Amino acid sequence: MQVKGLHSGYGKVPILHDVSFHIDERETVAVIGPNGAGKSTLLKTIAGLVKLTSGELYFDGHNITGTSPDQLVRLGIALVPEGGRPFANMSVIDNLRMGAYSKREVLKTGVLDELFEIFPRLKERAKQMARTLSGGERQMLAIARGLVSRPKMIMLDEPSLGLAPNLVDEIYEKICALRNELGLTVLLIEQNTNYALELASRCYVLENGRIVMEGSSAEMSGSEHIKKHYLGL
């Protein structure tokens, strides 16, 4: 994935300014930054939910600038939104099936059984309404729903948001296992900088809609700016 000179926002309100970065195949990259920096807008723009005003997006060697959200899913890009946002009044199994809305044929490949092996708790609760799940279970459902379409790249927006520390550990163990087992490319947005730097090989810092720093996770961990503003050291 390559993002070149991206500008986007809402109506006449600009949010992202000349954002450029890349993710190699099967790499995990994190974007960190303060609240309101434009992190979620970045993922929504890549996913086709927010229109870019200028710039270009490339995925798998193809220019995907202006491609519709459903077509992006078919090309192999999945977004797990902030808070997971399952369909509260639908069952777990129906939520998962919705993950294949733009790619129905994938349901014939045994993907749901594979996901139930990875997330056994979801199998136990397959017929329950999503609203009855715990916070950790809802996040697992959101990640699993994103994987139903068998994406090449998955974008995770704040997977630790609102979860107790022990549940965050569990979610990140699942993400790490999925990445390794499925060979996924992962773009991670995360307020918890410690988790982001631990999971990702590289990191970008987004502040006021602009990329202000980039480097390996090891380099970022040693940065005085990161220590002061993001790690509380």
C-alpha atoms as a PDB file:
ATOM      1  CA  MET A   1       0.000   0.000   0.000  1.00  0.00           C
ATOM      2  CA  GLN A   2       1.262   3.453  -0.960  1.00  0.00           C
ATOM      3  CA  VAL A   3      -0.328   6.740   0.052  1.00  0.00           C
ATOM      4  CA  LYS A   4       0.975   9.746  -1.882  1.00  0.00           C
ATOM      5  CA  GLY A   5       0.236  13.376  -1.043  1.00  0.00           C
ATOM      6  CA  LEU A   6      -3.139  12.620   0.507  1.00  0.00           C
ATOM      7  CA  HIS A   7      -5.458  15.507   1.364  1.00  0.00           C
ATOM      8  CA  SER A   8      -8.955  14.838   2.699  1.00  0.00           C
ATOM      9  CA  GLY A   9     -11.570  16.104   5.119  1.00  0.00           C
ATOM     10  CA  TYR A  10     -15.261  16.657   5.690  1.00  0.00           C
ATOM     11  CA  GLY A  11     -16.970  19.150   3.404  1.00  0.00           C
ATOM     12  CA  LYS A  12     -14.897  22.320   3.461  1.00  0.00           C
ATOM     13  CA  VAL A  13     -13.068  21.293   6.627  1.00  0.00           C
ATOM     14  CA  PRO A  14      -9.604  19.901   5.769  1.00  0.00           C
ATOM     15  CA  ILE A  15      -8.271  17.213   8.114  1.00  0.00           C
ATOM     16  CA  LEU A  16      -5.328  15.528   6.381  1.00  0.00           C
ATOM     17  CA  HIS A  17      -2.573  17.509   4.688  1.00  0.00           C
ATOM     18  CA  ASP A  18      -0.088  15.998   2.224  1.00  0.00           C
ATOM     19  CA  VAL A  19       0.082  12.617   3.979  1.00  0.00           C
ATOM     20  CA  SER A  20       2.470  10.111   2.378  1.00  0.00           C
ATOM     21  CA  PHE A  21       3.547   6.699   3.639  1.00  0.00           C
ATOM     22  CA  HIS A  22       3.864   3.085   2.561  1.00  0.00           C
ATOM     23  CA  ILE A  23       3.288  -0.410   3.937  1.00  0.00           C
ATOM     24  CA  ASP A  24       5.088  -3.401   2.501  1.00  0.00           C
ATOM     25  CA  GLU A  25       3.299  -6.695   1.918  1.00  0.00           C
ATOM     26  CA  ARG A  26       2.819  -8.651   5.175  1.00  0.00           C
ATOM     27  CA  GLU A  27       4.201  -5.741   7.200  1.00  0.00           C
ATOM     28  CA  THR A  28       2.561  -4.260  10.289  1.00  0.00           C
ATOM     29  CA  VAL A  29       2.692  -0.469  10.460  1.00  0.00           C
ATOM     30  CA  ALA A  30       1.257   1.701  13.225  1.00  0.00           C
ATOM     31  CA  VAL A  31       0.056   5.291  13.085  1.00  0.00           C
ATOM     32  CA  ILE A  32       0.017   7.042  16.430  1.00  0.00           C
ATOM     33  CA  GLY A  33      -0.930  10.562  17.400  1.00  0.00           C
ATOM     34  CA  PRO A  34      -3.116  12.614  19.752  1.00  0.00           C
ATOM     35  CA  ASN A  35      -6.905  12.695  19.649  1.00  0.00           C
ATOM     36  CA  GLY A  36      -8.144  14.779  16.732  1.00  0.00           C
ATOM     37  CA  ALA A  37      -4.965  14.320  14.704  1.00  0.00           C
ATOM     38  CA  GLY A  38      -6.861  12.693  11.809  1.00  0.00           C
ATOM     39  CA  LYS A  39      -5.983   9.042  12.391  1.00  0.00           C
ATOM     40  CA  SER A  40      -9.492   7.659  11.914  1.00  0.00           C
ATOM     41  CA  THR A  41     -10.039   9.976   8.935  1.00  0.00           C
ATOM     42  CA  LEU A  42      -6.925   8.462   7.366  1.00  0.00           C
ATOM     43  CA  LEU A  43      -8.332   4.931   7.563  1.00  0.00           C
ATOM     44  CA  LYS A  44     -11.759   6.047   6.348  1.00  0.00           C
ATOM     45  CA  THR A  45     -10.160   7.791   3.369  1.00  0.00           C
ATOM     46  CA  ILE A  46      -8.189   4.692   2.412  1.00  0.00           C
ATOM     47  CA  ALA A  47     -11.385   2.633   2.789  1.00  0.00           C
ATOM     48  CA  GLY A  48     -13.282   4.982   0.471  1.00  0.00           C
ATOM     49  CA  LEU A  49     -15.631   6.269   3.168  1.00  0.00           C
ATOM     50  CA  VAL A  50     -14.186   9.791   3.085  1.00  0.00           C
ATOM     51  CA  LYS A  51     -13.357  11.313  -0.290  1.00  0.00           C
ATOM     52  CA  LEU A  52      -9.832  12.549  -0.820  1.00  0.00           C
ATOM     53  CA  THR A  53      -9.476  16.028  -2.286  1.00  0.00           C
ATOM     54  CA  SER A  54      -6.066  15.299  -3.809  1.00  0.00           C
ATOM     55  CA  GLY A  55      -3.363  12.667  -3.729  1.00  0.00           C
ATOM     56  CA  GLU A  56      -3.174   9.039  -4.865  1.00  0.00           C
ATOM     57  CA  LEU A  57      -3.599   5.588  -3.322  1.00  0.00           C
ATOM     58  CA  TYR A  58      -1.952   2.426  -4.630  1.00  0.00           C
ATOM     59  CA  PHE A  59      -2.601  -1.140  -3.542  1.00  0.00           C
ATOM     60  CA  ASP A  60      -1.207  -4.365  -4.929  1.00  0.00           C
ATOM     61  CA  GLY A  61       0.371  -2.445  -7.795  1.00  0.00           C
ATOM     62  CA  HIS A  62      -2.886  -0.740  -8.828  1.00  0.00           C
ATOM     63  CA  ASN A  63      -4.036   2.860  -8.531  1.00  0.00           C
ATOM     64  CA  ILE A  64      -7.142   2.648  -6.304  1.00  0.00           C
ATOM     65  CA  THR A  65      -7.756   6.391  -6.001  1.00  0.00           C
ATOM     66  CA  GLY A  66     -11.511   7.011  -5.986  1.00  0.00           C
ATOM     67  CA  THR A  67     -12.439   3.312  -5.829  1.00  0.00           C
ATOM     68  CA  SER A  68     -15.755   2.585  -4.075  1.00  0.00           C
ATOM     69  CA  PRO A  69     -15.739   0.971  -0.609  1.00  0.00           C
ATOM     70  CA  ASP A  70     -17.363  -2.274  -1.806  1.00  0.00           C
ATOM     71  CA  GLN A  71     -14.837  -2.642  -4.622  1.00  0.00           C
ATOM     72  CA  LEU A  72     -11.975  -2.038  -2.179  1.00  0.00           C
ATOM     73  CA  VAL A  73     -13.256  -4.973  -0.122  1.00  0.00           C
ATOM     74  CA  ARG A  74     -13.203  -7.119  -3.244  1.00  0.00           C
ATOM     75  CA  LEU A  75      -9.622  -5.996  -3.901  1.00  0.00           C
ATOM     76  CA  GLY A  76      -8.605  -7.156  -0.439  1.00  0.00           C
ATOM     77  CA  ILE A  77      -8.827  -4.182   1.944  1.00  0.00           C
ATOM     78  CA  ALA A  78     -10.836  -4.486   5.163  1.00  0.00           C
ATOM     79  CA  LEU A  79     -11.520  -1.887   7.863  1.00  0.00           C
ATOM     80  CA  VAL A  80     -12.323  -2.665  11.497  1.00  0.00           C
ATOM     81  CA  PRO A  81     -13.761   0.666  12.704  1.00  0.00           C
ATOM     82  CA  GLU A  82     -13.208   2.307  16.054  1.00  0.00           C
ATOM     83  CA  GLY A  83     -15.310   0.595  18.711  1.00  0.00           C
ATOM     84  CA  GLY A  84     -15.961  -2.383  16.411  1.00  0.00           C
ATOM     85  CA  ARG A  85     -19.535  -1.244  15.714  1.00  0.00           C
ATOM     86  CA  PRO A  86     -21.233  -4.612  15.355  1.00  0.00           C
ATOM     87  CA  PHE A  87     -24.878  -4.653  14.282  1.00  0.00           C
ATOM     88  CA  ALA A  88     -26.324  -4.756  17.789  1.00  0.00           C
ATOM     89  CA  ASN A  89     -29.670  -6.359  16.905  1.00  0.00           C
ATOM     90  CA  MET A  90     -28.211  -9.039  14.686  1.00  0.00           C
ATOM     91  CA  SER A  91     -26.767 -12.353  15.838  1.00  0.00           C
ATOM     92  CA  VAL A  92     -23.051 -13.042  15.910  1.00  0.00           C
ATOM     93  CA  ILE A  93     -23.300 -15.358  12.892  1.00  0.00           C
ATOM     94  CA  ASP A  94     -25.283 -12.783  10.891  1.00  0.00           C
ATOM     95  CA  ASN A  95     -22.742 -10.086  11.778  1.00  0.00           C
ATOM     96  CA  LEU A  96     -20.030 -12.335  10.393  1.00  0.00           C
ATOM     97  CA  ARG A  97     -21.995 -12.979   7.211  1.00  0.00           C
ATOM     98  CA  MET A  98     -22.276  -9.214   6.735  1.00  0.00           C
ATOM     99  CA  GLY A  99     -18.494  -9.179   6.447  1.00  0.00           C
ATOM    100  CA  ALA A 100     -18.976 -10.887   3.078  1.00  0.00           C
ATOM    101  CA  TYR A 101     -21.675  -8.469   1.882  1.00  0.00           C
ATOM    102  CA  SER A 102     -19.543  -7.380  -1.107  1.00  0.00           C
ATOM    103  CA  LYS A 103     -17.986 -10.799  -1.604  1.00  0.00           C
ATOM    104  CA  ARG A 104     -20.719 -13.376  -0.962  1.00  0.00           C
ATOM    105  CA  GLU A 105     -18.914 -16.209  -2.723  1.00  0.00           C
ATOM    106  CA  VAL A 106     -16.309 -16.324   0.056  1.00  0.00           C
ATOM    107  CA  LEU A 107     -18.888 -17.846   2.428  1.00  0.00           C
ATOM    108  CA  LYS A 108     -18.659 -21.078   0.412  1.00  0.00           C
ATOM    109  CA  THR A 109     -14.954 -21.458   1.240  1.00  0.00           C
ATOM    110  CA  GLY A 110     -15.345 -22.492   4.884  1.00  0.00           C
ATOM    111  CA  VAL A 111     -14.137 -19.139   6.179  1.00  0.00           C
ATOM    112  CA  LEU A 112     -16.674 -19.023   9.027  1.00  0.00           C
ATOM    113  CA  ASP A 113     -15.536 -22.390  10.371  1.00  0.00           C
ATOM    114  CA  GLU A 114     -11.934 -21.202  10.200  1.00  0.00           C
ATOM    115  CA  LEU A 115     -12.769 -18.059  12.133  1.00  0.00           C
ATOM    116  CA  PHE A 116     -14.680 -20.036  14.761  1.00  0.00           C
ATOM    117  CA  GLU A 117     -11.522 -22.075  15.324  1.00  0.00           C
ATOM    118  CA  ILE A 118      -9.570 -18.871  15.896  1.00  0.00           C
ATOM    119  CA  PHE A 119     -12.340 -17.258  17.971  1.00  0.00           C
ATOM    120  CA  PRO A 120     -14.021 -20.170  19.813  1.00  0.00           C
ATOM    121  CA  ARG A 121     -15.944 -17.760  22.036  1.00  0.00           C
ATOM    122  CA  LEU A 122     -17.761 -16.429  18.975  1.00  0.00           C
ATOM    123  CA  LYS A 123     -18.749 -19.978  18.028  1.00  0.00           C
ATOM    124  CA  GLU A 124     -20.239 -20.457  21.506  1.00  0.00           C
ATOM    125  CA  ARG A 125     -22.240 -17.255  21.063  1.00  0.00           C
ATOM    126  CA  ALA A 126     -23.059 -17.646  17.363  1.00  0.00           C
ATOM    127  CA  LYS A 127     -26.820 -17.266  17.858  1.00  0.00           C
ATOM    128  CA  GLN A 128     -26.655 -14.520  20.493  1.00  0.00           C
ATOM    129  CA  MET A 129     -27.457 -10.909  19.631  1.00  0.00           C
ATOM    130  CA  ALA A 130     -24.305  -8.818  19.331  1.00  0.00           C
ATOM    131  CA  ARG A 131     -25.641  -6.401  21.939  1.00  0.00           C
ATOM    132  CA  THR A 132     -25.355  -9.124  24.598  1.00  0.00           C
ATOM    133  CA  LEU A 133     -21.590  -9.572  24.120  1.00  0.00           C
ATOM    134  CA  SER A 134     -18.920  -8.177  26.412  1.00  0.00           C
ATOM    135  CA  GLY A 135     -16.621  -5.425  25.176  1.00  0.00           C
ATOM    136  CA  GLY A 136     -13.827  -7.873  24.406  1.00  0.00           C
ATOM    137  CA  GLU A 137     -16.188 -10.213  22.580  1.00  0.00           C
ATOM    138  CA  ARG A 138     -17.560  -7.335  20.484  1.00  0.00           C
ATOM    139  CA  GLN A 139     -14.030  -6.403  19.467  1.00  0.00           C
ATOM    140  CA  MET A 140     -13.282 -10.023  18.542  1.00  0.00           C
ATOM    141  CA  LEU A 141     -16.483 -10.060  16.484  1.00  0.00           C
ATOM    142  CA  ALA A 142     -15.460  -6.873  14.690  1.00  0.00           C
ATOM    143  CA  ILE A 143     -12.037  -8.272  13.830  1.00  0.00           C
ATOM    144  CA  ALA A 144     -13.524 -11.595  12.706  1.00  0.00           C
ATOM    145  CA  ARG A 145     -16.123  -9.781  10.578  1.00  0.00           C
ATOM    146  CA  GLY A 146     -13.284  -7.879   8.908  1.00  0.00           C
ATOM    147  CA  LEU A 147     -11.543 -11.167   8.115  1.00  0.00           C
ATOM    148  CA  VAL A 148     -14.553 -12.893   6.525  1.00  0.00           C
ATOM    149  CA  SER A 149     -13.759 -11.381   3.116  1.00  0.00           C
ATOM    150  CA  ARG A 150     -10.245 -12.910   3.300  1.00  0.00           C
ATOM    151  CA  PRO A 151      -8.479  -9.535   2.969  1.00  0.00           C
ATOM    152  CA  LYS A 152      -4.848  -9.028   2.065  1.00  0.00           C
ATOM    153  CA  MET A 153      -4.697  -5.952   4.288  1.00  0.00           C
ATOM    154  CA  ILE A 154      -6.691  -5.199   7.422  1.00  0.00           C
ATOM    155  CA  MET A 155      -6.928  -1.746   8.984  1.00  0.00           C
ATOM    156  CA  LEU A 156      -7.586  -1.673  12.719  1.00  0.00           C
ATOM    157  CA  ASP A 157      -8.852   1.535  14.322  1.00  0.00           C
ATOM    158  CA  GLU A 158      -8.166   1.615  18.080  1.00  0.00           C
ATOM    159  CA  PRO A 159      -8.726  -2.095  18.849  1.00  0.00           C
ATOM    160  CA  SER A 160      -7.932  -1.503  22.539  1.00  0.00           C
ATOM    161  CA  LEU A 161     -10.451   1.332  22.980  1.00  0.00           C
ATOM    162  CA  GLY A 162     -12.487   1.003  26.173  1.00  0.00           C
ATOM    163  CA  LEU A 163     -11.187  -2.457  27.071  1.00  0.00           C
ATOM    164  CA  ALA A 164      -9.738  -3.618  30.391  1.00  0.00           C
ATOM    165  CA  PRO A 165      -5.964  -4.294  30.276  1.00  0.00           C
ATOM    166  CA  ASN A 166      -6.372  -8.084  30.407  1.00  0.00           C
ATOM    167  CA  LEU A 167      -8.772  -7.960  27.448  1.00  0.00           C
ATOM    168  CA  VAL A 168      -6.387  -5.713  25.520  1.00  0.00           C
ATOM    169  CA  ASP A 169      -3.670  -8.328  26.006  1.00  0.00           C
ATOM    170  CA  GLU A 170      -6.016 -11.009  24.670  1.00  0.00           C
ATOM    171  CA  ILE A 171      -7.038  -8.938  21.636  1.00  0.00           C
ATOM    172  CA  TYR A 172      -3.432  -8.194  20.752  1.00  0.00           C
ATOM    173  CA  GLU A 173      -2.447 -11.851  21.118  1.00  0.00           C
ATOM    174  CA  LYS A 174      -5.208 -12.666  18.599  1.00  0.00           C
ATOM    175  CA  ILE A 175      -4.057  -9.925  16.206  1.00  0.00           C
ATOM    176  CA  CYS A 176      -0.462 -11.129  16.387  1.00  0.00           C
ATOM    177  CA  ALA A 177      -1.488 -14.755  15.783  1.00  0.00           C
ATOM    178  CA  LEU A 178      -3.761 -13.794  12.871  1.00  0.00           C
ATOM    179  CA  ARG A 179      -1.063 -11.714  11.255  1.00  0.00           C
ATOM    180  CA  ASN A 180       1.419 -14.577  11.441  1.00  0.00           C
ATOM    181  CA  GLU A 181      -0.998 -17.353  10.436  1.00  0.00           C
ATOM    182  CA  LEU A 182      -2.728 -15.527   7.578  1.00  0.00           C
ATOM    183  CA  GLY A 183       0.197 -13.462   6.294  1.00  0.00           C
ATOM    184  CA  LEU A 184      -1.795 -10.252   6.649  1.00  0.00           C
ATOM    185  CA  THR A 185      -0.632  -6.731   5.997  1.00  0.00           C
ATOM    186  CA  VAL A 186      -1.787  -4.672   9.004  1.00  0.00           C
ATOM    187  CA  LEU A 187      -2.305  -0.915   9.339  1.00  0.00           C
ATOM    188  CA  LEU A 188      -2.906  -0.134  12.989  1.00  0.00           C
ATOM    189  CA  ILE A 189      -4.245   3.044  14.571  1.00  0.00           C
ATOM    190  CA  GLU A 190      -3.732   2.936  18.326  1.00  0.00           C
ATOM    191  CA  GLN A 191      -3.828   5.344  21.270  1.00  0.00           C
ATOM    192  CA  ASN A 192      -1.925   2.838  23.397  1.00  0.00           C
ATOM    193  CA  THR A 193       1.542   3.556  22.076  1.00  0.00           C
ATOM    194  CA  ASN A 194       3.174   0.703  23.972  1.00  0.00           C
ATOM    195  CA  TYR A 195       0.980  -1.863  22.208  1.00  0.00           C
ATOM    196  CA  ALA A 196       1.427  -0.149  18.847  1.00  0.00           C
ATOM    197  CA  LEU A 197       5.221  -0.163  19.064  1.00  0.00           C
ATOM    198  CA  GLU A 198       5.262  -3.753  20.289  1.00  0.00           C
ATOM    199  CA  LEU A 199       3.144  -5.087  17.412  1.00  0.00           C
ATOM    200  CA  ALA A 200       4.375  -2.942  14.522  1.00  0.00           C
ATOM    201  CA  SER A 201       7.731  -3.039  12.769  1.00  0.00           C
ATOM    202  CA  ARG A 202       7.458   0.615  11.749  1.00  0.00           C
ATOM    203  CA  CYS A 203       5.543   3.619  12.996  1.00  0.00           C
ATOM    204  CA  TYR A 204       4.345   6.996  11.730  1.00  0.00           C
ATOM    205  CA  VAL A 205       3.336   9.898  13.958  1.00  0.00           C
ATOM    206  CA  LEU A 206       0.355  11.946  12.781  1.00  0.00           C
ATOM    207  CA  GLU A 207      -0.148  15.356  14.395  1.00  0.00           C
ATOM    208  CA  ASN A 208      -2.541  18.069  13.169  1.00  0.00           C
ATOM    209  CA  GLY A 209      -3.240  16.058  10.022  1.00  0.00           C
ATOM    210  CA  ARG A 210       0.402  15.744   9.002  1.00  0.00           C
ATOM    211  CA  ILE A 211       3.045  13.022   9.285  1.00  0.00           C
ATOM    212  CA  VAL A 212       5.705  14.555  11.546  1.00  0.00           C
ATOM    213  CA  MET A 213       7.859  11.500  12.351  1.00  0.00           C
ATOM    214  CA  GLU A 214       8.526   8.046  11.020  1.00  0.00           C
ATOM    215  CA  GLY A 215      10.889   5.205  11.799  1.00  0.00           C
ATOM    216  CA  SER A 216      11.253   1.694  13.092  1.00  0.00           C
ATOM    217  CA  SER A 217       9.469   0.837  16.336  1.00  0.00           C
ATOM    218  CA  ALA A 218      12.874   0.554  18.017  1.00  0.00           C
ATOM    219  CA  GLU A 219      13.813   4.055  16.861  1.00  0.00           C
ATOM    220  CA  MET A 220      10.469   5.438  18.005  1.00  0.00           C
ATOM    221  CA  SER A 221      10.783   3.811  21.412  1.00  0.00           C
ATOM    222  CA  GLY A 222      14.066   5.669  21.890  1.00  0.00           C
ATOM    223  CA  SER A 223      12.770   9.040  20.691  1.00  0.00           C
ATOM    224  CA  GLU A 224      12.559  11.736  23.358  1.00  0.00           C
ATOM    225  CA  HIS A 225       9.469  13.182  21.647  1.00  0.00           C
ATOM    226  CA  ILE A 226       7.697   9.815  21.781  1.00  0.00           C
ATOM    227  CA  LYS A 227       8.791   9.165  25.359  1.00  0.00           C
ATOM    228  CA  LYS A 228       7.543  12.556  26.519  1.00  0.00           C
ATOM    229  CA  HIS A 229       4.312  12.886  24.580  1.00  0.00           C
ATOM    230  CA  TYR A 230       3.175   9.296  24.051  1.00  0.00           C
ATOM    231  CA  LEU A 231       4.820   7.020  26.612  1.00  0.00           C
ATOM    232  CA  GLY A 232       4.654   9.334  29.625  1.00  0.00           C
ATOM    233  CA  LEU A 233       8.349   8.830  30.427  1.00  0.00           C
END
